[in-house]
N, C-alpha and C. Protein backbone atom coordinates (compact mmCIF):
# COMPACT_ATOMS: atom_id res chain seq x y z
N MET A 1 24.46 23.70 -4.91
CA MET A 1 23.96 24.32 -6.13
C MET A 1 22.45 24.11 -6.21
N PHE A 2 21.72 25.16 -6.55
CA PHE A 2 20.27 25.08 -6.64
C PHE A 2 19.84 24.39 -7.92
N SER A 3 18.92 23.47 -7.77
CA SER A 3 18.28 22.86 -8.92
C SER A 3 16.89 22.43 -8.49
N PHE A 4 16.01 22.31 -9.46
CA PHE A 4 14.66 21.87 -9.14
C PHE A 4 14.65 20.43 -8.64
N PHE A 5 15.62 19.65 -9.10
CA PHE A 5 15.69 18.27 -8.61
C PHE A 5 16.05 18.22 -7.13
N ASN A 6 17.00 19.05 -6.70
CA ASN A 6 17.32 19.12 -5.27
C ASN A 6 16.14 19.63 -4.47
N LEU A 7 15.40 20.58 -5.03
CA LEU A 7 14.19 21.07 -4.38
C LEU A 7 13.17 19.95 -4.23
N PHE A 8 13.04 19.10 -5.25
CA PHE A 8 12.13 17.96 -5.18
C PHE A 8 12.53 17.01 -4.05
N ARG A 9 13.83 16.77 -3.91
CA ARG A 9 14.30 15.89 -2.83
C ARG A 9 13.99 16.50 -1.46
N ILE A 10 14.15 17.80 -1.32
CA ILE A 10 13.86 18.47 -0.05
C ILE A 10 12.37 18.42 0.24
N ILE A 11 11.55 18.66 -0.78
CA ILE A 11 10.10 18.59 -0.60
C ILE A 11 9.69 17.17 -0.22
N ALA A 12 10.28 16.16 -0.85
CA ALA A 12 9.96 14.78 -0.50
C ALA A 12 10.30 14.50 0.97
N LEU A 13 11.44 14.98 1.43
CA LEU A 13 11.83 14.79 2.82
C LEU A 13 10.85 15.50 3.76
N LEU A 14 10.56 16.75 3.48
CA LEU A 14 9.66 17.52 4.35
C LEU A 14 8.24 16.96 4.32
N GLU A 15 7.80 16.49 3.16
CA GLU A 15 6.46 15.90 3.07
C GLU A 15 6.39 14.64 3.93
N GLY A 16 7.43 13.83 3.88
CA GLY A 16 7.47 12.62 4.69
C GLY A 16 7.48 12.92 6.18
N VAL A 17 8.27 13.90 6.59
CA VAL A 17 8.34 14.28 8.00
C VAL A 17 7.00 14.86 8.46
N SER A 18 6.40 15.73 7.66
CA SER A 18 5.12 16.33 8.05
C SER A 18 4.02 15.27 8.15
N TYR A 19 4.06 14.28 7.27
CA TYR A 19 3.07 13.20 7.31
C TYR A 19 3.22 12.36 8.58
N LEU A 20 4.46 12.05 8.92
CA LEU A 20 4.69 11.28 10.15
C LEU A 20 4.26 12.06 11.38
N LEU A 21 4.58 13.35 11.43
CA LEU A 21 4.16 14.17 12.56
C LEU A 21 2.64 14.24 12.65
N LEU A 22 2.00 14.37 11.52
CA LEU A 22 0.55 14.44 11.49
C LEU A 22 -0.09 13.12 11.94
N LEU A 23 0.45 12.02 11.44
CA LEU A 23 -0.13 10.70 11.76
C LEU A 23 0.15 10.23 13.17
N PHE A 24 1.39 10.37 13.59
CA PHE A 24 1.80 9.73 14.85
C PHE A 24 1.88 10.66 16.05
N ILE A 25 1.76 11.96 15.83
CA ILE A 25 1.77 12.88 16.97
C ILE A 25 0.48 13.69 17.03
N ALA A 26 0.17 14.43 15.95
CA ALA A 26 -0.97 15.34 15.97
C ALA A 26 -2.31 14.60 16.09
N THR A 27 -2.49 13.54 15.32
CA THR A 27 -3.77 12.83 15.35
C THR A 27 -4.02 12.14 16.70
N PRO A 28 -3.05 11.44 17.28
CA PRO A 28 -3.30 10.88 18.62
C PRO A 28 -3.60 11.96 19.66
N ILE A 29 -2.91 13.10 19.58
CA ILE A 29 -3.21 14.18 20.53
C ILE A 29 -4.63 14.68 20.33
N LYS A 30 -5.06 14.76 19.08
CA LYS A 30 -6.42 15.23 18.79
C LYS A 30 -7.46 14.32 19.43
N TYR A 31 -7.28 13.01 19.31
CA TYR A 31 -8.31 12.09 19.79
C TYR A 31 -8.11 11.66 21.24
N LEU A 32 -6.89 11.60 21.71
CA LEU A 32 -6.67 11.18 23.09
C LEU A 32 -6.75 12.34 24.08
N ALA A 33 -6.28 13.52 23.67
CA ALA A 33 -6.30 14.67 24.57
C ALA A 33 -7.37 15.69 24.18
N ASN A 34 -8.14 15.35 23.15
CA ASN A 34 -9.21 16.24 22.68
C ASN A 34 -8.67 17.64 22.37
N ASP A 35 -7.54 17.69 21.68
CA ASP A 35 -6.88 18.95 21.36
C ASP A 35 -6.54 18.98 19.87
N PRO A 36 -7.40 19.56 19.03
CA PRO A 36 -7.18 19.52 17.58
C PRO A 36 -6.20 20.57 17.05
N GLN A 37 -5.58 21.36 17.91
CA GLN A 37 -4.74 22.45 17.42
C GLN A 37 -3.52 21.96 16.64
N TYR A 38 -2.97 20.81 16.99
CA TYR A 38 -1.79 20.32 16.27
C TYR A 38 -2.14 19.83 14.87
N VAL A 39 -3.32 19.25 14.72
CA VAL A 39 -3.76 18.83 13.39
C VAL A 39 -3.97 20.07 12.52
N LYS A 40 -4.56 21.10 13.10
CA LYS A 40 -4.76 22.35 12.35
C LYS A 40 -3.42 22.99 12.00
N LEU A 41 -2.49 22.93 12.91
CA LEU A 41 -1.18 23.53 12.71
C LEU A 41 -0.37 22.80 11.62
N LEU A 42 -0.42 21.48 11.61
CA LEU A 42 0.37 20.68 10.66
C LEU A 42 -0.36 20.35 9.37
N GLY A 43 -1.68 20.46 9.37
CA GLY A 43 -2.47 20.05 8.22
C GLY A 43 -2.18 20.84 6.96
N MET A 44 -2.20 22.14 7.05
CA MET A 44 -2.00 22.99 5.87
C MET A 44 -0.59 22.85 5.28
N PRO A 45 0.47 22.93 6.10
CA PRO A 45 1.81 22.73 5.50
C PRO A 45 1.96 21.36 4.86
N HIS A 46 1.40 20.34 5.49
CA HIS A 46 1.49 19.00 4.90
C HIS A 46 0.74 18.96 3.56
N GLY A 47 -0.42 19.57 3.50
CA GLY A 47 -1.18 19.60 2.25
C GLY A 47 -0.43 20.29 1.13
N ILE A 48 0.20 21.40 1.46
CA ILE A 48 0.98 22.13 0.45
C ILE A 48 2.18 21.30 -0.01
N LEU A 49 2.86 20.66 0.92
CA LEU A 49 4.00 19.81 0.56
C LEU A 49 3.56 18.61 -0.26
N PHE A 50 2.40 18.03 0.07
CA PHE A 50 1.87 16.90 -0.68
C PHE A 50 1.60 17.30 -2.14
N ILE A 51 0.94 18.42 -2.32
CA ILE A 51 0.65 18.89 -3.68
C ILE A 51 1.94 19.21 -4.44
N ALA A 52 2.90 19.82 -3.76
CA ALA A 52 4.19 20.12 -4.40
C ALA A 52 4.91 18.83 -4.80
N TYR A 53 4.86 17.82 -3.94
CA TYR A 53 5.51 16.53 -4.24
C TYR A 53 4.90 15.91 -5.51
N ILE A 54 3.57 15.91 -5.58
CA ILE A 54 2.88 15.34 -6.75
C ILE A 54 3.23 16.14 -8.01
N ALA A 55 3.22 17.47 -7.89
CA ALA A 55 3.54 18.32 -9.06
C ALA A 55 4.96 18.08 -9.55
N PHE A 56 5.91 18.00 -8.62
CA PHE A 56 7.30 17.75 -9.01
C PHE A 56 7.46 16.35 -9.62
N ALA A 57 6.73 15.38 -9.11
CA ALA A 57 6.80 14.03 -9.68
C ALA A 57 6.35 14.05 -11.13
N PHE A 58 5.26 14.76 -11.41
CA PHE A 58 4.80 14.88 -12.80
C PHE A 58 5.82 15.63 -13.65
N MET A 59 6.45 16.63 -13.06
CA MET A 59 7.42 17.43 -13.79
C MET A 59 8.65 16.59 -14.19
N PHE A 60 9.08 15.68 -13.32
CA PHE A 60 10.29 14.91 -13.57
C PHE A 60 10.04 13.56 -14.24
N LYS A 61 8.79 13.16 -14.39
CA LYS A 61 8.48 11.84 -14.97
C LYS A 61 9.14 11.65 -16.33
N LYS A 62 8.95 12.58 -17.21
CA LYS A 62 9.48 12.44 -18.56
C LYS A 62 11.00 12.64 -18.59
N GLY A 63 11.48 13.58 -17.80
CA GLY A 63 12.91 13.88 -17.80
C GLY A 63 13.77 12.72 -17.34
N PHE A 64 13.26 11.91 -16.41
CA PHE A 64 14.03 10.77 -15.92
C PHE A 64 13.56 9.45 -16.49
N SER A 65 12.64 9.52 -17.44
CA SER A 65 12.14 8.33 -18.14
C SER A 65 11.66 7.25 -17.17
N TRP A 66 10.91 7.67 -16.16
CA TRP A 66 10.35 6.69 -15.24
C TRP A 66 9.26 5.91 -15.95
N SER A 67 9.26 4.62 -15.79
CA SER A 67 8.20 3.81 -16.37
C SER A 67 6.89 4.10 -15.64
N THR A 68 5.80 3.63 -16.20
CA THR A 68 4.50 3.84 -15.56
C THR A 68 4.47 3.21 -14.18
N LYS A 69 5.05 2.03 -14.05
CA LYS A 69 5.10 1.36 -12.75
C LYS A 69 5.91 2.17 -11.74
N GLN A 70 7.07 2.64 -12.15
CA GLN A 70 7.90 3.46 -11.25
C GLN A 70 7.17 4.73 -10.85
N PHE A 71 6.51 5.35 -11.80
CA PHE A 71 5.79 6.59 -11.53
C PHE A 71 4.65 6.36 -10.54
N ILE A 72 3.93 5.29 -10.69
CA ILE A 72 2.83 4.98 -9.76
C ILE A 72 3.39 4.72 -8.36
N ILE A 73 4.51 4.03 -8.28
CA ILE A 73 5.15 3.79 -6.98
C ILE A 73 5.56 5.11 -6.34
N ILE A 74 6.11 6.01 -7.13
CA ILE A 74 6.54 7.31 -6.63
C ILE A 74 5.33 8.10 -6.12
N LEU A 75 4.23 8.05 -6.85
CA LEU A 75 3.02 8.75 -6.40
C LEU A 75 2.42 8.11 -5.16
N LEU A 76 2.33 6.80 -5.13
CA LEU A 76 1.74 6.11 -3.98
C LEU A 76 2.57 6.27 -2.71
N ALA A 77 3.85 6.47 -2.87
CA ALA A 77 4.73 6.63 -1.71
C ALA A 77 4.35 7.85 -0.87
N SER A 78 3.69 8.81 -1.49
CA SER A 78 3.32 10.01 -0.74
C SER A 78 2.17 9.77 0.23
N ILE A 79 1.47 8.65 0.10
CA ILE A 79 0.37 8.36 1.04
C ILE A 79 0.69 7.20 1.98
N ILE A 80 1.89 6.68 1.89
CA ILE A 80 2.33 5.59 2.76
C ILE A 80 3.36 6.16 3.74
N PRO A 81 3.18 5.94 5.04
CA PRO A 81 4.19 6.44 5.99
C PRO A 81 5.58 5.91 5.63
N PHE A 82 6.56 6.76 5.69
CA PHE A 82 7.96 6.49 5.35
C PHE A 82 8.17 6.28 3.85
N GLY A 83 7.13 6.42 3.04
CA GLY A 83 7.23 6.17 1.60
C GLY A 83 8.16 7.12 0.87
N THR A 84 8.11 8.39 1.22
CA THR A 84 8.96 9.35 0.50
C THR A 84 10.44 9.14 0.82
N PHE A 85 10.73 8.60 2.00
CA PHE A 85 12.13 8.31 2.34
C PHE A 85 12.65 7.17 1.46
N TYR A 86 11.80 6.18 1.22
CA TYR A 86 12.14 5.07 0.34
C TYR A 86 12.37 5.58 -1.09
N ILE A 87 11.49 6.45 -1.55
CA ILE A 87 11.61 7.00 -2.91
C ILE A 87 12.90 7.79 -3.06
N ASP A 88 13.24 8.56 -2.04
CA ASP A 88 14.48 9.33 -2.11
C ASP A 88 15.68 8.40 -2.25
N ARG A 89 15.70 7.35 -1.48
CA ARG A 89 16.82 6.42 -1.51
C ARG A 89 16.85 5.60 -2.80
N LYS A 90 15.70 5.13 -3.24
CA LYS A 90 15.63 4.20 -4.38
C LYS A 90 15.69 4.92 -5.74
N TYR A 91 14.95 6.02 -5.88
CA TYR A 91 14.83 6.66 -7.19
C TYR A 91 15.56 8.01 -7.29
N LEU A 92 15.46 8.81 -6.26
CA LEU A 92 15.98 10.16 -6.37
C LEU A 92 17.48 10.24 -6.13
N LYS A 93 18.00 9.46 -5.21
CA LYS A 93 19.44 9.48 -4.96
C LYS A 93 20.20 8.88 -6.14
N VAL A 94 19.62 7.91 -6.78
CA VAL A 94 20.25 7.26 -7.94
C VAL A 94 20.39 8.24 -9.10
N GLU A 95 19.40 9.13 -9.25
CA GLU A 95 19.39 10.07 -10.38
C GLU A 95 20.52 11.09 -10.27
N THR A 96 21.01 11.35 -9.04
CA THR A 96 22.04 12.37 -8.89
C THR A 96 23.44 11.84 -9.17
N LYS A 97 23.62 10.54 -9.27
CA LYS A 97 24.95 9.97 -9.52
C LYS A 97 25.34 10.11 -10.96
């Protein structure tokens, strides 16, 4: 069933995957093989997913009554590798029960 909350979970997953690909595959290829095409290829989708993740977090903050501390953790997770996977397990999966 479609819901904006499920869309948020999918965006969180895709944002996390795109960040890992950008950090651990595209960036080393750029500097070690002098080939920036992968960074250019992954950069824009990751940026769009990052902005969507932040927007959805703001959208759901009040609806799920996240405290300020929880909300800051949810926002900071988007800039920490594997952070969005933790958020999905800790905060987003719990909300669906």
